[in-house]
Amino acid sequence: MRRFLGRIGIDSYMLMLLGTVLLGLVLPARGVAAEGLGQVTYWAVALLFFLYGAKLDPASVKAGMLNWRLQGLTFGSTYLVIPALGLGFAAVFGGILGPQVTMGVIFLAVLPSTIQSSIAFVSMSGGNVPAAICAASLSNLVGVVLTPALVALLLQAGEGGVSLDAVIRIGTQILLPFVLGQILRPWVGGFVKSRKRLTLVVDRGAILLIVYSAFSAGTVSGLWAEIPPVSLIVLIAVMLAMLGVVFALIGGLGRLCKLPPEDRSVLFFCGSTKSLASGLPIAAALFPVETVGATVLPVLIYHMAQLLICAMIAQRHARAAQTALVS
């Protein structure tokens, strides 16, 4: 059985992911447990980026920041390619989905990329982690201003403000631990590099925590009950189709631009993913409270699907790289 699952790309980690999804649906974290989960997830992600900083050569980090071609392609994918695609999907399927959910599709398209999960996927697949950190952080920092502006432009939602909490969270949870790791690298770098399993466990553990948090939040908030089952199935199909087109376009863009494999990984994972963590507070700031649930439903479905599919793709890339090293 394990051999068969391995052949179709499902290993023990994927089984853990699927189990985490079911756990979030059947036994979601509520109340104090949800608050505790949030704290554990926060510090797990902070530890992950401290480890990234401790093991990464500062010269590599500088090279990632100065890789303007890759950074430009990733930024353009997030804020040009996917928004244009989102408008197309909204025009084609708007009559089926209804106005509020269609608004959610457009809102999804202009969100920044994920930070934690996209960088973790790049790391798992053997990609350019310093460039991924720069690309994902830039996307979210700019997105705090750009996403509300694009929403106001595309949806005529009027002016909306976004709290500085998003900027502060990026600084304290992502950039500060990373910088601290870089500062302490002369003393702890050797220890971290010699224990690759530590980074692997934190990588995968953080993703499992993010997945469980996302599915738990969806279950507890009752988002699954906000639209009829048939409409939900149609929305899931539309979101999967959109995600498939996004993957094909951005994967093709990386090959067309002849990026090296490690940079294609950054473009793929950082350029195609959308952030639920950024999307929820921005939606709460921009939309009336009675429409927020329907608006964020496409974001939630897309986010969940991207986590599962990107995890599978990252695992396949990791296995391919290991096979290449052995041969």
C-alpha atoms as a PDB file:
ATOM      1  CA  MET A   1       0.000   0.000   0.000  1.00  0.00           C
ATOM      2  CA  ARG A   2       2.777   2.455   0.908  1.00  0.00           C
ATOM      3  CA  ARG A   3       4.547   1.641  -2.368  1.00  0.00           C
ATOM      4  CA  PHE A   4       1.367   2.323  -4.357  1.00  0.00           C
ATOM      5  CA  LEU A   5       0.782   5.639  -2.566  1.00  0.00           C
ATOM      6  CA  GLY A   6       4.397   6.627  -3.229  1.00  0.00           C
ATOM      7  CA  ARG A   7       3.962   6.002  -6.945  1.00  0.00           C
ATOM      8  CA  ILE A   8       1.037   8.419  -7.152  1.00  0.00           C
ATOM      9  CA  GLY A   9       2.885  11.082  -5.147  1.00  0.00           C
ATOM     10  CA  ILE A  10       1.281  10.524  -1.733  1.00  0.00           C
ATOM     11  CA  ASP A  11       3.772   9.932   1.067  1.00  0.00           C
ATOM     12  CA  SER A  12       3.448   9.962   4.843  1.00  0.00           C
ATOM     13  CA  TYR A  13       3.608  13.762   4.933  1.00  0.00           C
ATOM     14  CA  MET A  14       0.738  14.082   2.443  1.00  0.00           C
ATOM     15  CA  LEU A  15      -1.286  11.659   4.534  1.00  0.00           C
ATOM     16  CA  MET A  16      -0.587  13.881   7.527  1.00  0.00           C
ATOM     17  CA  LEU A  17      -1.790  16.887   5.524  1.00  0.00           C
ATOM     18  CA  LEU A  18      -5.013  15.127   4.535  1.00  0.00           C
ATOM     19  CA  GLY A  19      -5.502  14.023   8.134  1.00  0.00           C
ATOM     20  CA  THR A  20      -4.988  17.619   9.262  1.00  0.00           C
ATOM     21  CA  VAL A  21      -7.672  18.777   6.826  1.00  0.00           C
ATOM     22  CA  LEU A  22     -10.144  16.209   8.164  1.00  0.00           C
ATOM     23  CA  LEU A  23      -9.264  17.159  11.735  1.00  0.00           C
ATOM     24  CA  GLY A  24      -9.973  20.820  10.980  1.00  0.00           C
ATOM     25  CA  LEU A  25     -13.358  19.884   9.486  1.00  0.00           C
ATOM     26  CA  VAL A  26     -14.434  17.403  12.155  1.00  0.00           C
ATOM     27  CA  LEU A  27     -12.694  18.695  15.276  1.00  0.00           C
ATOM     28  CA  PRO A  28     -11.853  22.384  14.778  1.00  0.00           C
ATOM     29  CA  ALA A  29     -10.097  24.449  17.410  1.00  0.00           C
ATOM     30  CA  ARG A  30     -12.516  26.682  19.297  1.00  0.00           C
ATOM     31  CA  GLY A  31     -12.315  29.301  21.990  1.00  0.00           C
ATOM     32  CA  VAL A  32      -9.245  28.978  24.189  1.00  0.00           C
ATOM     33  CA  ALA A  33      -7.928  26.133  22.021  1.00  0.00           C
ATOM     34  CA  ALA A  34      -8.118  28.351  18.930  1.00  0.00           C
ATOM     35  CA  GLU A  35      -6.267  31.127  20.745  1.00  0.00           C
ATOM     36  CA  GLY A  36      -3.615  28.662  21.851  1.00  0.00           C
ATOM     37  CA  LEU A  37      -3.320  27.318  18.308  1.00  0.00           C
ATOM     38  CA  GLY A  38      -2.810  30.848  17.039  1.00  0.00           C
ATOM     39  CA  GLN A  39       0.021  31.428  19.490  1.00  0.00           C
ATOM     40  CA  VAL A  40       1.701  28.113  18.696  1.00  0.00           C
ATOM     41  CA  THR A  41       1.435  28.792  14.957  1.00  0.00           C
ATOM     42  CA  TYR A  42       2.809  32.317  15.396  1.00  0.00           C
ATOM     43  CA  TRP A  43       5.897  31.154  17.283  1.00  0.00           C
ATOM     44  CA  ALA A  44       6.434  28.135  15.038  1.00  0.00           C
ATOM     45  CA  VAL A  45       6.585  30.461  12.038  1.00  0.00           C
ATOM     46  CA  ALA A  46       8.880  32.866  13.906  1.00  0.00           C
ATOM     47  CA  LEU A  47      11.196  29.945  14.774  1.00  0.00           C
ATOM     48  CA  LEU A  48      11.145  28.828  11.141  1.00  0.00           C
ATOM     49  CA  PHE A  49      12.376  32.213   9.945  1.00  0.00           C
ATOM     50  CA  PHE A  50      14.976  32.416  12.702  1.00  0.00           C
ATOM     51  CA  LEU A  51      16.353  29.097  11.423  1.00  0.00           C
ATOM     52  CA  TYR A  52      16.297  30.423   7.853  1.00  0.00           C
ATOM     53  CA  GLY A  53      18.294  33.447   8.964  1.00  0.00           C
ATOM     54  CA  ALA A  54      20.747  31.343  10.982  1.00  0.00           C
ATOM     55  CA  LYS A  55      21.581  28.987   8.132  1.00  0.00           C
ATOM     56  CA  LEU A  56      21.555  31.367   5.145  1.00  0.00           C
ATOM     57  CA  ASP A  57      24.751  33.010   3.966  1.00  0.00           C
ATOM     58  CA  PRO A  58      24.329  36.841   3.983  1.00  0.00           C
ATOM     59  CA  ALA A  59      25.811  36.928   0.483  1.00  0.00           C
ATOM     60  CA  SER A  60      22.939  34.707  -0.700  1.00  0.00           C
ATOM     61  CA  VAL A  61      20.399  37.016   0.953  1.00  0.00           C
ATOM     62  CA  LYS A  62      21.926  40.028  -0.803  1.00  0.00           C
ATOM     63  CA  ALA A  63      21.870  38.177  -4.121  1.00  0.00           C
ATOM     64  CA  GLY A  64      18.175  37.382  -3.591  1.00  0.00           C
ATOM     65  CA  MET A  65      17.365  41.047  -2.990  1.00  0.00           C
ATOM     66  CA  LEU A  66      19.309  42.134  -6.064  1.00  0.00           C
ATOM     67  CA  ASN A  67      17.712  39.554  -8.368  1.00  0.00           C
ATOM     68  CA  TRP A  68      15.489  42.219  -9.889  1.00  0.00           C
ATOM     69  CA  ARG A  69      14.365  40.065 -12.818  1.00  0.00           C
ATOM     70  CA  LEU A  70      12.975  37.371 -10.555  1.00  0.00           C
ATOM     71  CA  GLN A  71      11.481  39.883  -8.124  1.00  0.00           C
ATOM     72  CA  GLY A  72       9.827  41.770 -10.974  1.00  0.00           C
ATOM     73  CA  LEU A  73       8.346  38.607 -12.511  1.00  0.00           C
ATOM     74  CA  THR A  74       6.990  37.476  -9.141  1.00  0.00           C
ATOM     75  CA  PHE A  75       5.501  40.879  -8.340  1.00  0.00           C
ATOM     76  CA  GLY A  76       3.978  41.118 -11.818  1.00  0.00           C
ATOM     77  CA  SER A  77       2.434  37.655 -11.471  1.00  0.00           C
ATOM     78  CA  THR A  78       0.821  38.610  -8.156  1.00  0.00           C
ATOM     79  CA  TYR A  79      -0.532  42.024  -9.120  1.00  0.00           C
ATOM     80  CA  LEU A  80      -0.931  41.908 -12.924  1.00  0.00           C
ATOM     81  CA  VAL A  81      -1.327  38.364 -14.240  1.00  0.00           C
ATOM     82  CA  ILE A  82      -3.649  36.949 -11.573  1.00  0.00           C
ATOM     83  CA  PRO A  83      -5.844  40.103 -11.302  1.00  0.00           C
ATOM     84  CA  ALA A  84      -6.388  40.031 -15.076  1.00  0.00           C
ATOM     85  CA  LEU A  85      -7.243  36.336 -14.845  1.00  0.00           C
ATOM     86  CA  GLY A  86      -9.585  36.990 -11.914  1.00  0.00           C
ATOM     87  CA  LEU A  87     -11.494  39.600 -13.897  1.00  0.00           C
ATOM     88  CA  GLY A  88     -11.864  37.085 -16.724  1.00  0.00           C
ATOM     89  CA  PHE A  89     -13.200  34.369 -14.424  1.00  0.00           C
ATOM     90  CA  ALA A  90     -15.574  36.864 -12.788  1.00  0.00           C
ATOM     91  CA  ALA A  91     -16.933  37.879 -16.201  1.00  0.00           C
ATOM     92  CA  VAL A  92     -17.444  34.267 -17.308  1.00  0.00           C
ATOM     93  CA  PHE A  93     -18.849  32.775 -14.087  1.00  0.00           C
ATOM     94  CA  GLY A  94     -20.383  35.843 -12.422  1.00  0.00           C
ATOM     95  CA  GLY A  95     -23.912  34.923 -13.454  1.00  0.00           C
ATOM     96  CA  ILE A  96     -23.598  31.517 -11.823  1.00  0.00           C
ATOM     97  CA  LEU A  97     -21.814  32.567  -8.647  1.00  0.00           C
ATOM     98  CA  GLY A  98     -23.854  35.650  -7.785  1.00  0.00           C
ATOM     99  CA  PRO A  99     -22.674  39.204  -7.116  1.00  0.00           C
ATOM    100  CA  GLN A 100     -21.182  38.797  -3.628  1.00  0.00           C
ATOM    101  CA  VAL A 101     -19.194  35.657  -4.389  1.00  0.00           C
ATOM    102  CA  THR A 102     -18.077  37.146  -7.715  1.00  0.00           C
ATOM    103  CA  MET A 103     -16.809  40.153  -5.784  1.00  0.00           C
ATOM    104  CA  GLY A 104     -14.864  37.668  -3.672  1.00  0.00           C
ATOM    105  CA  VAL A 105     -13.231  36.192  -6.784  1.00  0.00           C
ATOM    106  CA  ILE A 106     -11.981  39.630  -7.832  1.00  0.00           C
ATOM    107  CA  PHE A 107     -10.884  40.391  -4.278  1.00  0.00           C
ATOM    108  CA  LEU A 108      -8.935  37.116  -4.200  1.00  0.00           C
ATOM    109  CA  ALA A 109      -7.138  38.029  -7.409  1.00  0.00           C
ATOM    110  CA  VAL A 110      -5.660  41.254  -6.014  1.00  0.00           C
ATOM    111  CA  LEU A 111      -4.435  39.833  -2.696  1.00  0.00           C
ATOM    112  CA  PRO A 112      -0.713  39.571  -1.887  1.00  0.00           C
ATOM    113  CA  SER A 113       1.026  36.214  -1.844  1.00  0.00           C
ATOM    114  CA  THR A 114       1.350  34.015   1.199  1.00  0.00           C
ATOM    115  CA  ILE A 115       4.529  34.445   3.226  1.00  0.00           C
ATOM    116  CA  GLN A 116       5.024  31.506   5.554  1.00  0.00           C
ATOM    117  CA  SER A 117       3.714  28.685   3.385  1.00  0.00           C
ATOM    118  CA  SER A 118       5.141  29.887   0.051  1.00  0.00           C
ATOM    119  CA  ILE A 119       8.649  30.261   1.509  1.00  0.00           C
ATOM    120  CA  ALA A 120       8.339  26.898   3.239  1.00  0.00           C
ATOM    121  CA  PHE A 121       7.330  25.297  -0.081  1.00  0.00           C
ATOM    122  CA  VAL A 122      10.315  26.911  -1.813  1.00  0.00           C
ATOM    123  CA  SER A 123      12.572  25.543   0.911  1.00  0.00           C
ATOM    124  CA  MET A 124      11.059  22.048   0.672  1.00  0.00           C
ATOM    125  CA  SER A 125      11.523  21.990  -3.110  1.00  0.00           C
ATOM    126  CA  GLY A 126      15.164  23.119  -2.932  1.00  0.00           C
ATOM    127  CA  GLY A 127      14.491  26.589  -4.331  1.00  0.00           C
ATOM    128  CA  ASN A 128      16.078  29.990  -3.743  1.00  0.00           C
ATOM    129  CA  VAL A 129      14.936  30.724  -0.172  1.00  0.00           C
ATOM    130  CA  PRO A 130      16.575  34.199   0.182  1.00  0.00           C
ATOM    131  CA  ALA A 131      14.838  35.380  -2.994  1.00  0.00           C
ATOM    132  CA  ALA A 132      11.564  33.835  -1.790  1.00  0.00           C
ATOM    133  CA  ILE A 133      11.763  35.724   1.515  1.00  0.00           C
ATOM    134  CA  CYS A 134      12.333  38.986  -0.352  1.00  0.00           C
ATOM    135  CA  ALA A 135       9.554  38.321  -2.890  1.00  0.00           C
ATOM    136  CA  ALA A 136       6.907  37.265  -0.371  1.00  0.00           C
ATOM    137  CA  SER A 137       7.730  40.031   2.132  1.00  0.00           C
ATOM    138  CA  LEU A 138       7.696  42.717  -0.588  1.00  0.00           C
ATOM    139  CA  SER A 139       4.380  41.423  -1.932  1.00  0.00           C
ATOM    140  CA  ASN A 140       2.734  41.713   1.485  1.00  0.00           C
ATOM    141  CA  LEU A 141       4.279  45.028   2.475  1.00  0.00           C
ATOM    142  CA  VAL A 142       3.185  46.641  -0.796  1.00  0.00           C
ATOM    143  CA  GLY A 143      -0.118  44.753  -0.716  1.00  0.00           C
ATOM    144  CA  VAL A 144      -1.214  46.517   2.469  1.00  0.00           C
ATOM    145  CA  VAL A 145      -1.604  49.642   0.325  1.00  0.00           C
ATOM    146  CA  LEU A 146      -1.968  48.209  -3.195  1.00  0.00           C
ATOM    147  CA  THR A 147      -4.700  45.629  -2.507  1.00  0.00           C
ATOM    148  CA  PRO A 148      -7.249  48.118  -1.074  1.00  0.00           C
ATOM    149  CA  ALA A 149      -6.431  50.507  -3.925  1.00  0.00           C
ATOM    150  CA  LEU A 150      -7.009  47.793  -6.543  1.00  0.00           C
ATOM    151  CA  VAL A 151     -10.230  46.702  -4.817  1.00  0.00           C
ATOM    152  CA  ALA A 152     -11.477  50.299  -4.828  1.00  0.00           C
ATOM    153  CA  LEU A 153     -10.544  50.621  -8.500  1.00  0.00           C
ATOM    154  CA  LEU A 154     -11.955  47.306  -9.719  1.00  0.00           C
ATOM    155  CA  LEU A 155     -15.013  47.053  -7.464  1.00  0.00           C
ATOM    156  CA  GLN A 156     -15.635  50.747  -6.858  1.00  0.00           C
ATOM    157  CA  ALA A 157     -15.708  49.895  -3.172  1.00  0.00           C
ATOM    158  CA  GLY A 158     -14.771  53.395  -2.188  1.00  0.00           C
ATOM    159  CA  GLU A 159     -11.912  54.324   0.049  1.00  0.00           C
ATOM    160  CA  GLY A 160     -10.811  51.799   2.624  1.00  0.00           C
ATOM    161  CA  GLY A 161      -8.139  51.864   5.231  1.00  0.00           C
ATOM    162  CA  VAL A 162      -6.064  48.957   6.431  1.00  0.00           C
ATOM    163  CA  SER A 163      -4.627  48.708   9.914  1.00  0.00           C
ATOM    164  CA  LEU A 164      -0.879  48.760  10.379  1.00  0.00           C
ATOM    165  CA  ASP A 165      -1.212  45.396  12.165  1.00  0.00           C
ATOM    166  CA  ALA A 166      -0.378  43.591   8.921  1.00  0.00           C
ATOM    167  CA  VAL A 167       2.872  45.536   8.539  1.00  0.00           C
ATOM    168  CA  ILE A 168       3.756  45.033  12.188  1.00  0.00           C
ATOM    169  CA  ARG A 169       3.061  41.285  11.953  1.00  0.00           C
ATOM    170  CA  ILE A 170       5.347  40.910   8.941  1.00  0.00           C
ATOM    171  CA  GLY A 171       8.059  42.797  10.788  1.00  0.00           C
ATOM    172  CA  THR A 172       7.798  40.944  14.102  1.00  0.00           C
ATOM    173  CA  GLN A 173       6.976  37.432  12.916  1.00  0.00           C
ATOM    174  CA  ILE A 174       8.987  37.229   9.692  1.00  0.00           C
ATOM    175  CA  LEU A 175      11.674  39.868   9.260  1.00  0.00           C
ATOM    176  CA  LEU A 176      12.788  40.315  12.891  1.00  0.00           C
ATOM    177  CA  PRO A 177      13.449  36.580  13.529  1.00  0.00           C
ATOM    178  CA  PHE A 178      15.204  36.333  10.160  1.00  0.00           C
ATOM    179  CA  VAL A 179      17.460  39.327  10.918  1.00  0.00           C
ATOM    180  CA  LEU A 180      18.123  37.976  14.412  1.00  0.00           C
ATOM    181  CA  GLY A 181      19.132  34.649  12.884  1.00  0.00           C
ATOM    182  CA  GLN A 182      21.495  36.452  10.510  1.00  0.00           C
ATOM    183  CA  ILE A 183      23.066  38.367  13.411  1.00  0.00           C
ATOM    184  CA  LEU A 184      23.551  35.213  15.495  1.00  0.00           C
ATOM    185  CA  ARG A 185      24.659  33.135  12.512  1.00  0.00           C
ATOM    186  CA  PRO A 186      28.394  33.194  13.433  1.00  0.00           C
ATOM    187  CA  TRP A 187      27.529  31.451  16.726  1.00  0.00           C
ATOM    188  CA  VAL A 188      24.532  29.222  15.845  1.00  0.00           C
ATOM    189  CA  GLY A 189      24.866  28.777  12.069  1.00  0.00           C
ATOM    190  CA  GLY A 190      27.041  25.684  12.277  1.00  0.00           C
ATOM    191  CA  PHE A 191      24.667  24.025  14.753  1.00  0.00           C
ATOM    192  CA  VAL A 192      21.620  24.692  12.551  1.00  0.00           C
ATOM    193  CA  LYS A 193      23.321  23.571   9.323  1.00  0.00           C
ATOM    194  CA  SER A 194      24.463  20.319  10.901  1.00  0.00           C
ATOM    195  CA  ARG A 195      20.886  19.499  11.926  1.00  0.00           C
ATOM    196  CA  LYS A 196      18.914  19.632   8.677  1.00  0.00           C
ATOM    197  CA  ARG A 197      16.160  17.522  10.201  1.00  0.00           C
ATOM    198  CA  LEU A 198      15.401  20.338  12.652  1.00  0.00           C
ATOM    199  CA  THR A 199      14.611  22.763   9.823  1.00  0.00           C
ATOM    200  CA  LEU A 200      12.634  20.064   7.988  1.00  0.00           C
ATOM    201  CA  VAL A 201      10.464  19.357  11.046  1.00  0.00           C
ATOM    202  CA  VAL A 202       9.823  23.066  11.650  1.00  0.00           C
ATOM    203  CA  ASP A 203       9.105  23.595   7.912  1.00  0.00           C
ATOM    204  CA  ARG A 204       6.514  20.861   7.713  1.00  0.00           C
ATOM    205  CA  GLY A 205       5.144  21.463  11.187  1.00  0.00           C
ATOM    206  CA  ALA A 206       4.458  25.104  10.398  1.00  0.00           C
ATOM    207  CA  ILE A 207       2.573  24.118   7.220  1.00  0.00           C
ATOM    208  CA  LEU A 208       0.471  21.578   9.130  1.00  0.00           C
ATOM    209  CA  LEU A 209      -0.386  24.229  11.714  1.00  0.00           C
ATOM    210  CA  ILE A 210      -1.346  26.724   8.983  1.00  0.00           C
ATOM    211  CA  VAL A 211      -3.571  24.138   7.250  1.00  0.00           C
ATOM    212  CA  TYR A 212      -5.310  23.149  10.480  1.00  0.00           C
ATOM    213  CA  SER A 213      -5.843  26.796  11.420  1.00  0.00           C
ATOM    214  CA  ALA A 214      -7.365  27.572   8.005  1.00  0.00           C
ATOM    215  CA  PHE A 215      -9.753  24.608   7.994  1.00  0.00           C
ATOM    216  CA  SER A 216     -10.671  25.129  11.652  1.00  0.00           C
ATOM    217  CA  ALA A 217     -11.457  28.790  11.025  1.00  0.00           C
ATOM    218  CA  GLY A 218     -13.689  27.890   8.089  1.00  0.00           C
ATOM    219  CA  THR A 219     -15.576  25.294  10.120  1.00  0.00           C
ATOM    220  CA  VAL A 220     -16.023  27.425  13.245  1.00  0.00           C
ATOM    221  CA  SER A 221     -17.152  30.525  11.322  1.00  0.00           C
ATOM    222  CA  GLY A 222     -19.795  28.484   9.469  1.00  0.00           C
ATOM    223  CA  LEU A 223     -18.589  29.561   6.039  1.00  0.00           C
ATOM    224  CA  TRP A 224     -19.494  26.156   4.608  1.00  0.00           C
ATOM    225  CA  ALA A 225     -23.170  26.816   5.436  1.00  0.00           C
ATOM    226  CA  GLU A 226     -23.342  30.289   3.887  1.00  0.00           C
ATOM    227  CA  ILE A 227     -24.147  29.095   0.386  1.00  0.00           C
ATOM    228  CA  PRO A 228     -26.205  26.080  -0.812  1.00  0.00           C
ATOM    229  CA  PRO A 229     -24.284  22.819  -1.380  1.00  0.00           C
ATOM    230  CA  VAL A 230     -24.700  22.947  -5.170  1.00  0.00           C
ATOM    231  CA  SER A 231     -23.408  26.526  -5.325  1.00  0.00           C
ATOM    232  CA  LEU A 232     -20.506  25.565  -3.073  1.00  0.00           C
ATOM    233  CA  ILE A 233     -19.577  22.706  -5.402  1.00  0.00           C
ATOM    234  CA  VAL A 234     -19.693  25.070  -8.399  1.00  0.00           C
ATOM    235  CA  LEU A 235     -17.521  27.603  -6.551  1.00  0.00           C
ATOM    236  CA  ILE A 236     -14.997  24.921  -5.611  1.00  0.00           C
ATOM    237  CA  ALA A 237     -14.833  23.810  -9.260  1.00  0.00           C
ATOM    238  CA  VAL A 238     -14.323  27.396 -10.450  1.00  0.00           C
ATOM    239  CA  MET A 239     -11.593  28.021  -7.864  1.00  0.00           C
ATOM    240  CA  LEU A 240      -9.787  24.793  -8.783  1.00  0.00           C
ATOM    241  CA  ALA A 241      -9.983  25.734 -12.460  1.00  0.00           C
ATOM    242  CA  MET A 242      -8.618  29.210 -11.713  1.00  0.00           C
ATOM    243  CA  LEU A 243      -5.809  27.759  -9.613  1.00  0.00           C
ATOM    244  CA  GLY A 244      -4.954  25.327 -12.415  1.00  0.00           C
ATOM    245  CA  VAL A 245      -4.765  28.141 -14.965  1.00  0.00           C
ATOM    246  CA  VAL A 246      -2.640  30.234 -12.587  1.00  0.00           C
ATOM    247  CA  PHE A 247      -0.218  27.334 -12.090  1.00  0.00           C
ATOM    248  CA  ALA A 248       0.004  26.732 -15.845  1.00  0.00           C
ATOM    249  CA  LEU A 249       0.578  30.415 -16.690  1.00  0.00           C
ATOM    250  CA  ILE A 250       3.183  31.089 -14.019  1.00  0.00           C
ATOM    251  CA  GLY A 251       4.949  27.765 -14.548  1.00  0.00           C
ATOM    252  CA  GLY A 252       5.067  28.522 -18.258  1.00  0.00           C
ATOM    253  CA  LEU A 253       6.328  32.052 -17.584  1.00  0.00           C
ATOM    254  CA  GLY A 254       9.275  30.674 -15.626  1.00  0.00           C
ATOM    255  CA  ARG A 255      10.204  28.316 -18.459  1.00  0.00           C
ATOM    256  CA  LEU A 256       9.670  31.014 -21.114  1.00  0.00           C
ATOM    257  CA  CYS A 257      12.021  33.374 -19.258  1.00  0.00           C
ATOM    258  CA  LYS A 258      14.547  30.522 -18.906  1.00  0.00           C
ATOM    259  CA  LEU A 259      14.905  30.960 -15.167  1.00  0.00           C
ATOM    260  CA  PRO A 260      17.109  28.436 -13.362  1.00  0.00           C
ATOM    261  CA  PRO A 261      15.137  25.754 -11.460  1.00  0.00           C
ATOM    262  CA  GLU A 262      15.688  27.319  -8.043  1.00  0.00           C
ATOM    263  CA  ASP A 263      14.327  30.677  -9.284  1.00  0.00           C
ATOM    264  CA  ARG A 264      11.409  29.027 -11.100  1.00  0.00           C
ATOM    265  CA  SER A 265      10.438  27.571  -7.731  1.00  0.00           C
ATOM    266  CA  VAL A 266      10.304  31.076  -6.225  1.00  0.00           C
ATOM    267  CA  LEU A 267       8.223  32.434  -9.114  1.00  0.00           C
ATOM    268  CA  PHE A 268       5.860  29.469  -8.960  1.00  0.00           C
ATOM    269  CA  PHE A 269       5.197  29.317  -5.217  1.00  0.00           C
ATOM    270  CA  CYS A 270       5.428  33.046  -4.404  1.00  0.00           C
ATOM    271  CA  GLY A 271       3.763  34.244  -7.610  1.00  0.00           C
ATOM    272  CA  SER A 272       0.745  31.925  -7.631  1.00  0.00           C
ATOM    273  CA  THR A 273      -0.343  31.781  -3.983  1.00  0.00           C
ATOM    274  CA  LYS A 274      -2.743  34.174  -2.244  1.00  0.00           C
ATOM    275  CA  SER A 275      -2.741  35.087   1.434  1.00  0.00           C
ATOM    276  CA  LEU A 276      -5.730  34.254   3.616  1.00  0.00           C
ATOM    277  CA  ALA A 277      -4.020  35.926   6.592  1.00  0.00           C
ATOM    278  CA  SER A 278      -3.825  39.232   4.688  1.00  0.00           C
ATOM    279  CA  GLY A 279      -7.174  38.753   2.964  1.00  0.00           C
ATOM    280  CA  LEU A 280      -9.355  38.472   6.055  1.00  0.00           C
ATOM    281  CA  PRO A 281      -8.375  41.761   7.761  1.00  0.00           C
ATOM    282  CA  ILE A 282      -8.381  43.630   4.450  1.00  0.00           C
ATOM    283  CA  ALA A 283     -11.879  42.295   3.661  1.00  0.00           C
ATOM    284  CA  ALA A 284     -13.105  43.300   7.128  1.00  0.00           C
ATOM    285  CA  ALA A 285     -11.788  46.821   6.519  1.00  0.00           C
ATOM    286  CA  LEU A 286     -13.240  47.211   3.017  1.00  0.00           C
ATOM    287  CA  PHE A 287     -16.597  45.422   2.922  1.00  0.00           C
ATOM    288  CA  PRO A 288     -19.834  45.636   4.949  1.00  0.00           C
ATOM    289  CA  VAL A 289     -20.013  43.081   7.736  1.00  0.00           C
ATOM    290  CA  GLU A 290     -23.030  41.334   6.220  1.00  0.00           C
ATOM    291  CA  THR A 291     -21.165  40.561   2.979  1.00  0.00           C
ATOM    292  CA  VAL A 292     -17.728  39.653   4.343  1.00  0.00           C
ATOM    293  CA  GLY A 293     -18.525  35.933   4.714  1.00  0.00           C
ATOM    294  CA  ALA A 294     -19.505  35.478   1.072  1.00  0.00           C
ATOM    295  CA  THR A 295     -16.643  37.697  -0.071  1.00  0.00           C
ATOM    296  CA  VAL A 296     -13.919  35.702   1.660  1.00  0.00           C
ATOM    297  CA  LEU A 297     -15.327  32.268   0.749  1.00  0.00           C
ATOM    298  CA  PRO A 298     -13.464  32.134  -2.620  1.00  0.00           C
ATOM    299  CA  VAL A 299     -10.301  33.225  -0.777  1.00  0.00           C
ATOM    300  CA  LEU A 300     -10.701  30.423   1.757  1.00  0.00           C
ATOM    301  CA  ILE A 301     -11.281  27.738  -0.902  1.00  0.00           C
ATOM    302  CA  TYR A 302      -8.405  28.924  -3.091  1.00  0.00           C
ATOM    303  CA  HIS A 303      -6.115  29.151  -0.070  1.00  0.00           C
ATOM    304  CA  MET A 304      -6.917  25.646   1.123  1.00  0.00           C
ATOM    305  CA  ALA A 305      -6.514  24.173  -2.359  1.00  0.00           C
ATOM    306  CA  GLN A 306      -3.190  25.925  -2.940  1.00  0.00           C
ATOM    307  CA  LEU A 307      -1.792  24.627   0.353  1.00  0.00           C
ATOM    308  CA  LEU A 308      -2.597  21.025  -0.503  1.00  0.00           C
ATOM    309  CA  ILE A 309      -1.557  21.131  -4.160  1.00  0.00           C
ATOM    310  CA  CYS A 310       1.601  23.185  -3.548  1.00  0.00           C
ATOM    311  CA  ALA A 311       2.611  20.748  -0.813  1.00  0.00           C
ATOM    312  CA  MET A 312       2.295  17.867  -3.311  1.00  0.00           C
ATOM    313  CA  ILE A 313       4.299  19.766  -5.934  1.00  0.00           C
ATOM    314  CA  ALA A 314       7.014  20.727  -3.440  1.00  0.00           C
ATOM    315  CA  GLN A 315       7.281  17.104  -2.337  1.00  0.00           C
ATOM    316  CA  ARG A 316       7.647  15.930  -5.942  1.00  0.00           C
ATOM    317  CA  HIS A 317      10.383  18.507  -6.572  1.00  0.00           C
ATOM    318  CA  ALA A 318      12.195  17.435  -3.407  1.00  0.00           C
ATOM    319  CA  ARG A 319      12.081  13.764  -4.415  1.00  0.00           C
ATOM    320  CA  ALA A 320      13.260  14.613  -7.948  1.00  0.00           C
ATOM    321  CA  ALA A 321      16.202  16.565  -6.531  1.00  0.00           C
ATOM    322  CA  GLN A 322      17.141  13.694  -4.227  1.00  0.00           C
ATOM    323  CA  THR A 323      16.960  11.227  -7.121  1.00  0.00           C
ATOM    324  CA  ALA A 324      19.184  13.467  -9.243  1.00  0.00           C
ATOM    325  CA  LEU A 325      21.766  13.634  -6.443  1.00  0.00           C
ATOM    326  CA  VAL A 326      21.793   9.844  -6.029  1.00  0.00           C
ATOM    327  CA  SER A 327      22.156   9.216  -9.749  1.00  0.00           C
END
